[in-house]
C-alpha atoms as a PDB file:
ATOM      1  CA  MET A   1     -35.204 168.505-116.799  1.00  0.00           C
ATOM      2  CA  ARG A   2     -34.576 170.589-119.755  1.00  0.00           C
ATOM      3  CA  PHE A   3     -30.877 171.765-118.282  1.00  0.00           C
ATOM      4  CA  PHE A   4     -27.987 168.938-118.871  1.00  0.00           C
ATOM      5  CA  PRO A   5     -24.730 169.900-116.481  1.00  0.00           C
ATOM      6  CA  GLU A   6     -22.998 166.751-118.184  1.00  0.00           C
ATOM      7  CA  ARG A   7     -23.082 169.254-121.234  1.00  0.00           C
ATOM      8  CA  VAL A   8     -20.696 171.458-119.699  1.00  0.00           C
ATOM      9  CA  THR A   9     -18.136 168.774-118.323  1.00  0.00           C
ATOM     10  CA  GLN A  10     -17.898 167.209-122.206  1.00  0.00           C
ATOM     11  CA  TYR A  11     -17.788 171.185-123.158  1.00  0.00           C
ATOM     12  CA  SER A  12     -14.613 171.502-121.211  1.00  0.00           C
ATOM     13  CA  VAL A  13     -13.028 168.671-121.846  1.00  0.00           C
ATOM     14  CA  TRP A  14     -13.154 169.055-125.371  1.00  0.00           C
ATOM     15  CA  ALA A  15     -11.747 172.799-124.885  1.00  0.00           C
ATOM     16  CA  LEU A  16      -8.652 171.316-123.132  1.00  0.00           C
ATOM     17  CA  TRP A  17      -7.993 168.875-125.565  1.00  0.00           C
ATOM     18  CA  THR A  18      -8.312 171.595-128.714  1.00  0.00           C
ATOM     19  CA  LEU A  19      -5.575 173.356-126.603  1.00  0.00           C
ATOM     20  CA  LEU A  20      -3.175 170.475-125.794  1.00  0.00           C
ATOM     21  CA  VAL A  21      -3.638 169.441-129.202  1.00  0.00           C
ATOM     22  CA  PHE A  22      -2.863 172.937-130.810  1.00  0.00           C
ATOM     23  CA  GLY A  23      -0.618 173.713-128.346  1.00  0.00           C
ATOM     24  CA  SER A  24       1.314 170.176-129.263  1.00  0.00           C
ATOM     25  CA  VAL A  25       1.109 170.752-132.825  1.00  0.00           C
ATOM     26  CA  LEU A  26       3.058 174.413-132.549  1.00  0.00           C
ATOM     27  CA  TRP A  27       5.804 173.103-130.505  1.00  0.00           C
ATOM     28  CA  LEU A  28       6.349 170.447-133.197  1.00  0.00           C
ATOM     29  CA  LEU A  29       6.268 172.775-135.609  1.00  0.00           C
ATOM     30  CA  VAL A  30       8.693 175.511-133.895  1.00  0.00           C
ATOM     31  CA  GLY A  31      11.081 171.915-133.938  1.00  0.00           C
ATOM     32  CA  SER A  32      10.910 171.347-137.504  1.00  0.00           C
ATOM     33  CA  VAL A  33      11.245 175.091-138.337  1.00  0.00           C
ATOM     34  CA  ALA A  34      14.802 174.561-135.858  1.00  0.00           C
ATOM     35  CA  TYR A  35      15.326 171.145-137.700  1.00  0.00           C
ATOM     36  CA  TRP A  36      14.621 172.663-141.650  1.00  0.00           C
ATOM     37  CA  VAL A  37      16.877 175.811-140.809  1.00  0.00           C
ATOM     38  CA  ARG A  38      19.916 173.648-138.917  1.00  0.00           C
ATOM     39  CA  ASN A  39      19.951 171.774-142.597  1.00  0.00           C
ATOM     40  CA  GLY A  40      20.152 174.682-144.444  1.00  0.00           C
ATOM     41  CA  TRP A  41      16.585 174.087-145.723  1.00  0.00           C
ATOM     42  CA  LEU A  42      14.983 177.950-144.154  1.00  0.00           C
ATOM     43  CA  PRO A  43      16.590 181.164-143.553  1.00  0.00           C
ATOM     44  CA  ALA A  44      18.291 181.831-140.402  1.00  0.00           C
ATOM     45  CA  ASP A  45      16.304 183.568-138.974  1.00  0.00           C
ATOM     46  CA  SER A  46      13.485 181.398-139.708  1.00  0.00           C
ATOM     47  CA  ALA A  47      14.186 179.600-136.383  1.00  0.00           C
ATOM     48  CA  GLY A  48      13.873 182.747-134.296  1.00  0.00           C
ATOM     49  CA  TRP A  49      10.386 183.810-135.993  1.00  0.00           C
ATOM     50  CA  ALA A  50       9.356 180.378-135.465  1.00  0.00           C
ATOM     51  CA  GLN A  51      10.471 180.465-131.714  1.00  0.00           C
ATOM     52  CA  ALA A  52       9.224 184.111-130.958  1.00  0.00           C
ATOM     53  CA  ILE A  53       5.544 182.752-132.678  1.00  0.00           C
ATOM     54  CA  GLY A  54       5.412 179.568-130.358  1.00  0.00           C
ATOM     55  CA  ALA A  55       6.741 182.146-127.171  1.00  0.00           C
ATOM     56  CA  PHE A  56       3.607 183.974-127.956  1.00  0.00           C
ATOM     57  CA  VAL A  57       0.827 181.474-128.169  1.00  0.00           C
ATOM     58  CA  ALA A  58       2.251 180.076-124.993  1.00  0.00           C
ATOM     59  CA  ILE A  59       2.091 183.080-123.480  1.00  0.00           C
ATOM     60  CA  VAL A  60      -1.656 183.660-125.286  1.00  0.00           C
ATOM     61  CA  VAL A  61      -2.946 179.758-124.096  1.00  0.00           C
ATOM     62  CA  ALA A  62      -1.248 180.211-120.300  1.00  0.00           C
ATOM     63  CA  ILE A  63      -3.805 183.379-119.893  1.00  0.00           C
ATOM     64  CA  ALA A  64      -6.560 182.086-122.041  1.00  0.00           C
ATOM     65  CA  LEU A  65      -6.721 178.316-120.079  1.00  0.00           C
ATOM     66  CA  PRO A  66      -7.721 180.310-116.329  1.00  0.00           C
ATOM     67  CA  TYR A  67      -9.820 183.003-118.009  1.00  0.00           C
ATOM     68  CA  PHE A  68     -11.748 179.841-119.769  1.00  0.00           C
ATOM     69  CA  GLN A  69     -11.937 177.697-117.002  1.00  0.00           C
ATOM     70  CA  SER A  70     -12.847 180.250-114.541  1.00  0.00           C
ATOM     71  CA  ARG A  71     -16.061 180.983-117.041  1.00  0.00           C
ATOM     72  CA  GLN A  72     -16.588 177.386-117.770  1.00  0.00           C
ATOM     73  CA  GLN A  73     -16.690 177.506-113.734  1.00  0.00           C
ATOM     74  CA  GLN A  74     -19.342 180.527-113.634  1.00  0.00           C
ATOM     75  CA  PHE A  75     -21.719 178.546-116.381  1.00  0.00           C
ATOM     76  CA  GLN A  76     -21.471 175.359-114.123  1.00  0.00           C
ATOM     77  CA  ARG A  77     -22.439 177.644-110.986  1.00  0.00           C
ATOM     78  CA  ASN A  78     -25.497 179.971-113.084  1.00  0.00           C
ATOM     79  CA  GLU A  79     -26.631 176.497-115.010  1.00  0.00           C
ATOM     80  CA  SER A  80     -27.071 174.924-111.296  1.00  0.00           C
ATOM     81  CA  GLU A  81     -28.795 177.588-109.952  1.00  0.00           C
ATOM     82  CA  LYS A  82     -31.107 177.643-112.900  1.00  0.00           C
ATOM     83  CA  ARG A  83     -31.642 174.175-112.573  1.00  0.00           C
ATOM     84  CA  ASN A  84     -32.392 174.806-108.023  1.00  0.00           C
ATOM     85  CA  ARG A  85     -34.749 177.424-108.934  1.00  0.00           C
ATOM     86  CA  LEU A  86     -36.700 174.668-111.930  1.00  0.00           C
ATOM     87  CA  GLU A  87     -36.845 172.604-109.305  1.00  0.00           C
ATOM     88  CA  GLY A  88     -38.370 175.095-106.954  1.00  0.00           C
ATOM     89  CA  ILE A  89     -41.014 176.185-109.300  1.00  0.00           C
ATOM     90  CA  ASN A  90     -41.513 172.431-110.040  1.00  0.00           C
ATOM     91  CA  ALA A  91     -42.415 171.159-106.672  1.00  0.00           C
ATOM     92  CA  THR A  92     -44.771 174.063-105.706  1.00  0.00           C
ATOM     93  CA  TYR A  93     -46.809 173.570-108.648  1.00  0.00           C
ATOM     94  CA  ALA A  94     -46.952 170.050-107.934  1.00  0.00           C
ATOM     95  CA  LEU A  95     -48.459 171.537-104.746  1.00  0.00           C
ATOM     96  CA  MET A  96     -50.991 173.809-106.719  1.00  0.00           C
ATOM     97  CA  ILE A  97     -52.246 171.732-108.358  1.00  0.00           C
ATOM     98  CA  HIS A  98     -53.320 168.827-105.728  1.00  0.00           C
ATOM     99  CA  MET A  99     -54.889 172.053-103.794  1.00  0.00           C
ATOM    100  CA  GLN A 100     -56.525 172.556-107.130  1.00  0.00           C
ATOM    101  CA  GLY A 101     -57.502 169.366-107.224  1.00  0.00           C
ATOM    102  CA  LEU A 102     -58.730 169.248-103.713  1.00  0.00           C
ATOM    103  CA  TYR A 103     -60.794 173.128-104.131  1.00  0.00           C
ATOM    104  CA  ASP A 104     -62.522 171.657-107.425  1.00  0.00           C
ATOM    105  CA  ARG A 105     -63.965 168.984-105.322  1.00  0.00           C
ATOM    106  CA  LEU A 106     -64.949 171.280-102.597  1.00  0.00           C
ATOM    107  CA  GLY A 107     -66.103 173.664-105.152  1.00  0.00           C
ATOM    108  CA  LYS A 108     -69.038 170.772-106.557  1.00  0.00           C
ATOM    109  CA  TYR A 109     -69.451 169.796-102.602  1.00  0.00           C
ATOM    110  CA  SER A 110     -70.272 173.389-101.530  1.00  0.00           C
ATOM    111  CA  ASN A 111     -73.189 173.479-103.591  1.00  0.00           C
ATOM    112  CA  PRO A 112     -75.806 174.892-100.693  1.00  0.00           C
ATOM    113  CA  ILE A 113     -79.457 173.598-100.106  1.00  0.00           C
ATOM    114  CA  PHE A 114     -81.334 176.521 -98.543  1.00  0.00           C
ATOM    115  CA  THR A 115     -84.658 175.704 -96.405  1.00  0.00           C
ATOM    116  CA  THR A 116     -87.144 177.997 -94.983  1.00  0.00           C
ATOM    117  CA  ASN A 117     -84.867 177.467 -91.201  1.00  0.00           C
ATOM    118  CA  GLY A 118     -81.731 178.314 -92.880  1.00  0.00           C
ATOM    119  CA  ALA A 119     -79.257 176.486 -95.324  1.00  0.00           C
ATOM    120  CA  TYR A 120     -77.040 173.998 -95.580  1.00  0.00           C
ATOM    121  CA  PHE A 121     -74.245 172.119 -97.375  1.00  0.00           C
ATOM    122  CA  LEU A 122     -75.316 168.554 -98.926  1.00  0.00           C
ATOM    123  CA  LYS A 123     -72.829 165.897 -96.934  1.00  0.00           C
ATOM    124  CA  ARG A 124     -71.564 162.995 -98.867  1.00  0.00           C
ATOM    125  CA  GLU A 125     -71.331 159.605 -97.172  1.00  0.00           C
ATOM    126  CA  GLY A 126     -67.727 157.804 -97.527  1.00  0.00           C
ATOM    127  CA  ASP A 127     -65.724 161.201 -99.034  1.00  0.00           C
ATOM    128  CA  SER A 128     -62.598 161.533 -97.704  1.00  0.00           C
ATOM    129  CA  LEU A 129     -62.665 165.607 -99.216  1.00  0.00           C
ATOM    130  CA  LEU A 130     -62.710 166.649 -95.491  1.00  0.00           C
ATOM    131  CA  HIS A 131     -60.344 164.715 -94.095  1.00  0.00           C
ATOM    132  CA  GLU A 132     -58.014 165.550 -97.054  1.00  0.00           C
ATOM    133  CA  LEU A 133     -58.610 169.413 -96.792  1.00  0.00           C
ATOM    134  CA  THR A 134     -57.189 169.303 -93.168  1.00  0.00           C
ATOM    135  CA  GLN A 135     -54.256 166.944 -93.958  1.00  0.00           C
ATOM    136  CA  ALA A 136     -53.177 169.760 -96.651  1.00  0.00           C
ATOM    137  CA  ALA A 137     -53.515 172.131 -94.310  1.00  0.00           C
ATOM    138  CA  ALA A 138     -51.195 170.814 -91.771  1.00  0.00           C
ATOM    139  CA  MET A 139     -48.645 169.518 -94.994  1.00  0.00           C
ATOM    140  CA  LEU A 140     -48.569 173.078 -95.666  1.00  0.00           C
ATOM    141  CA  ARG A 141     -48.164 174.640 -92.498  1.00  0.00           C
ATOM    142  CA  GLU A 142     -45.307 172.277 -91.546  1.00  0.00           C
ATOM    143  CA  ILE A 143     -42.902 173.219 -94.717  1.00  0.00           C
ATOM    144  CA  PRO A 144     -40.721 176.335 -94.291  1.00  0.00           C
ATOM    145  CA  VAL A 145     -41.864 179.375 -96.437  1.00  0.00           C
ATOM    146  CA  VAL A 146     -38.177 179.110 -97.971  1.00  0.00           C
ATOM    147  CA  ALA A 147     -37.903 175.884 -98.217  1.00  0.00           C
ATOM    148  CA  ILE A 148     -38.714 175.245-101.449  1.00  0.00           C
ATOM    149  CA  SER A 149     -36.970 178.399-102.650  1.00  0.00           C
ATOM    150  CA  ASN A 150     -37.103 182.235-101.704  1.00  0.00           C
ATOM    151  CA  GLN A 151     -38.996 183.112-104.881  1.00  0.00           C
ATOM    152  CA  MET A 152     -41.751 180.383-104.324  1.00  0.00           C
ATOM    153  CA  VAL A 153     -42.531 182.273-100.889  1.00  0.00           C
ATOM    154  CA  TYR A 154     -44.831 184.119-102.232  1.00  0.00           C
ATOM    155  CA  PHE A 155     -47.117 181.364-103.848  1.00  0.00           C
ATOM    156  CA  ILE A 156     -46.509 178.842-100.117  1.00  0.00           C
ATOM    157  CA  ILE A 157     -48.070 181.507 -98.326  1.00  0.00           C
ATOM    158  CA  GLY A 158     -50.768 182.036-100.202  1.00  0.00           C
ATOM    159  CA  LEU A 159     -51.310 178.594-100.168  1.00  0.00           C
ATOM    160  CA  ARG A 160     -51.317 178.149 -96.755  1.00  0.00           C
ATOM    161  CA  GLU A 161     -53.938 180.681 -96.715  1.00  0.00           C
ATOM    162  CA  ILE A 162     -56.248 178.808 -99.000  1.00  0.00           C
ATOM    163  CA  ALA A 163     -55.492 175.940 -97.515  1.00  0.00           C
ATOM    164  CA  ASN A 164     -56.608 177.126 -93.939  1.00  0.00           C
ATOM    165  CA  TYR A 165     -59.915 178.526 -95.425  1.00  0.00           C
ATOM    166  CA  ALA A 166     -60.720 175.075 -96.961  1.00  0.00           C
ATOM    167  CA  GLU A 167     -59.956 173.435 -93.357  1.00  0.00           C
ATOM    168  CA  PHE A 168     -61.900 176.171 -91.537  1.00  0.00           C
ATOM    169  CA  VAL A 169     -64.853 175.124 -94.137  1.00  0.00           C
ATOM    170  CA  SER A 170     -64.588 171.498 -93.642  1.00  0.00           C
ATOM    171  CA  ASP A 171     -65.273 172.192 -90.165  1.00  0.00           C
ATOM    172  CA  VAL A 172     -68.442 174.907 -90.811  1.00  0.00           C
ATOM    173  CA  MET A 173     -69.515 171.905 -93.322  1.00  0.00           C
ATOM    174  CA  GLU A 174     -69.924 169.539 -90.637  1.00  0.00           C
ATOM    175  CA  LYS A 175     -72.648 171.566 -88.658  1.00  0.00           C
ATOM    176  CA  PRO A 176     -76.730 170.861 -89.265  1.00  0.00           C
ATOM    177  CA  SER A 177     -77.656 174.243 -90.180  1.00  0.00           C
ATOM    178  CA  LEU A 178     -76.094 178.023 -91.328  1.00  0.00           C
ATOM    179  CA  GLU A 179     -77.603 181.244 -91.762  1.00  0.00           C
ATOM    180  CA  SER A 180     -78.165 181.667 -95.460  1.00  0.00           C
ATOM    181  CA  LEU A 181     -75.761 184.434 -95.870  1.00  0.00           C
ATOM    182  CA  GLN A 182     -72.712 182.585 -94.487  1.00  0.00           C
ATOM    183  CA  VAL A 183     -73.132 179.892 -96.931  1.00  0.00           C
ATOM    184  CA  ILE A 184     -73.309 182.521-100.150  1.00  0.00           C
ATOM    185  CA  LYS A 185     -70.203 184.157 -98.272  1.00  0.00           C
ATOM    186  CA  ILE A 186     -68.245 180.595 -98.055  1.00  0.00           C
ATOM    187  CA  ARG A 187     -69.372 179.771-101.501  1.00  0.00           C
ATOM    188  CA  ASN A 188     -68.021 182.586-103.160  1.00  0.00           C
ATOM    189  CA  LYS A 189     -64.775 182.373-101.295  1.00  0.00           C
ATOM    190  CA  ILE A 190     -64.547 178.768-102.366  1.00  0.00           C
ATOM    191  CA  LEU A 191     -64.669 179.962-105.949  1.00  0.00           C
ATOM    192  CA  ALA A 192     -62.496 182.685-105.787  1.00  0.00           C
ATOM    193  CA  ASN A 193     -59.806 180.452-104.522  1.00  0.00           C
ATOM    194  CA  ILE A 194     -60.563 178.031-107.329  1.00  0.00           C
ATOM    195  CA  ASP A 195     -59.662 181.316-109.574  1.00  0.00           C
ATOM    196  CA  LEU A 196     -56.755 182.592-107.563  1.00  0.00           C
ATOM    197  CA  ILE A 197     -55.479 179.087-108.298  1.00  0.00           C
ATOM    198  CA  LYS A 198     -55.194 179.263-111.581  1.00  0.00           C
ATOM    199  CA  VAL A 199     -53.789 182.552-111.790  1.00  0.00           C
ATOM    200  CA  TRP A 200     -51.069 181.342-109.522  1.00  0.00           C
ATOM    201  CA  LEU A 201     -50.511 178.177-111.989  1.00  0.00           C
ATOM    202  CA  ALA A 202     -50.231 180.820-114.888  1.00  0.00           C
ATOM    203  CA  ASP A 203     -47.729 182.829-112.779  1.00  0.00           C
ATOM    204  CA  LEU A 204     -45.496 179.681-112.643  1.00  0.00           C
ATOM    205  CA  ASP A 205     -45.637 178.729-115.798  1.00  0.00           C
ATOM    206  CA  ASP A 206     -44.519 182.427-116.968  1.00  0.00           C
ATOM    207  CA  LEU A 207     -41.632 181.900-114.624  1.00  0.00           C
ATOM    208  CA  GLU A 208     -40.767 178.982-115.562  1.00  0.00           C
ATOM    209  CA  GLU A 209     -40.875 179.791-119.407  1.00  0.00           C
ATOM    210  CA  GLU A 210     -38.721 183.335-118.631  1.00  0.00           C
ATOM    211  CA  LEU A 211     -36.348 181.169-116.591  1.00  0.00           C
ATOM    212  CA  ILE A 212     -35.312 178.729-119.308  1.00  0.00           C
ATOM    213  CA  SER A 213     -35.434 180.951-122.059  1.00  0.00           C
ATOM    214  CA  SER A 214     -33.334 183.514-119.509  1.00  0.00           C
ATOM    215  CA  ARG A 215     -29.098 183.081-119.325  1.00  0.00           C
ATOM    216  CA  LEU A 216     -28.432 184.046-116.330  1.00  0.00           C
END
């Protein structure tokens, strides 16, 4: 991750220490001025001015400290929200990459063979792709559309649709013979879905870059 919430805590601690040290130094100065006035080293009204300045600074600190703490809490909430959204993007990206890998294999698998009696897809012995497509579709159906984040609903629904289509294709490919037009339509749809996944991956990259560079 590119965000480190622990830094926020460090900044807060340093700010509090700065306020405490500054306040201690100020009241030490006020006490010193009073001592110097009592010993005749400063004019008599210097103590009054020092006390007035000290009281004013104390009021400023009393107002600034809650405000600063509130700002830090808001900053922490924003960072937490940004981190959660990044995690949602990363999770969706991982699902997308997995589906892209399956579809790339499906694209190679779906090269049709045409005959005088129709067409068929070449079966590959020992290849688990069709089983994996069925598993991927089932997995995506089990994921609630808002489980990752509301922002990822569009991508999750899209992934479900192309996974369901891949599951349908896996059933069709088991048939011994198909109409040539049907095979061509399936092949074109597979290639279109491969391109669509690439577009979604680019969109997720843009969302991540936009989120990283933004200030909530």
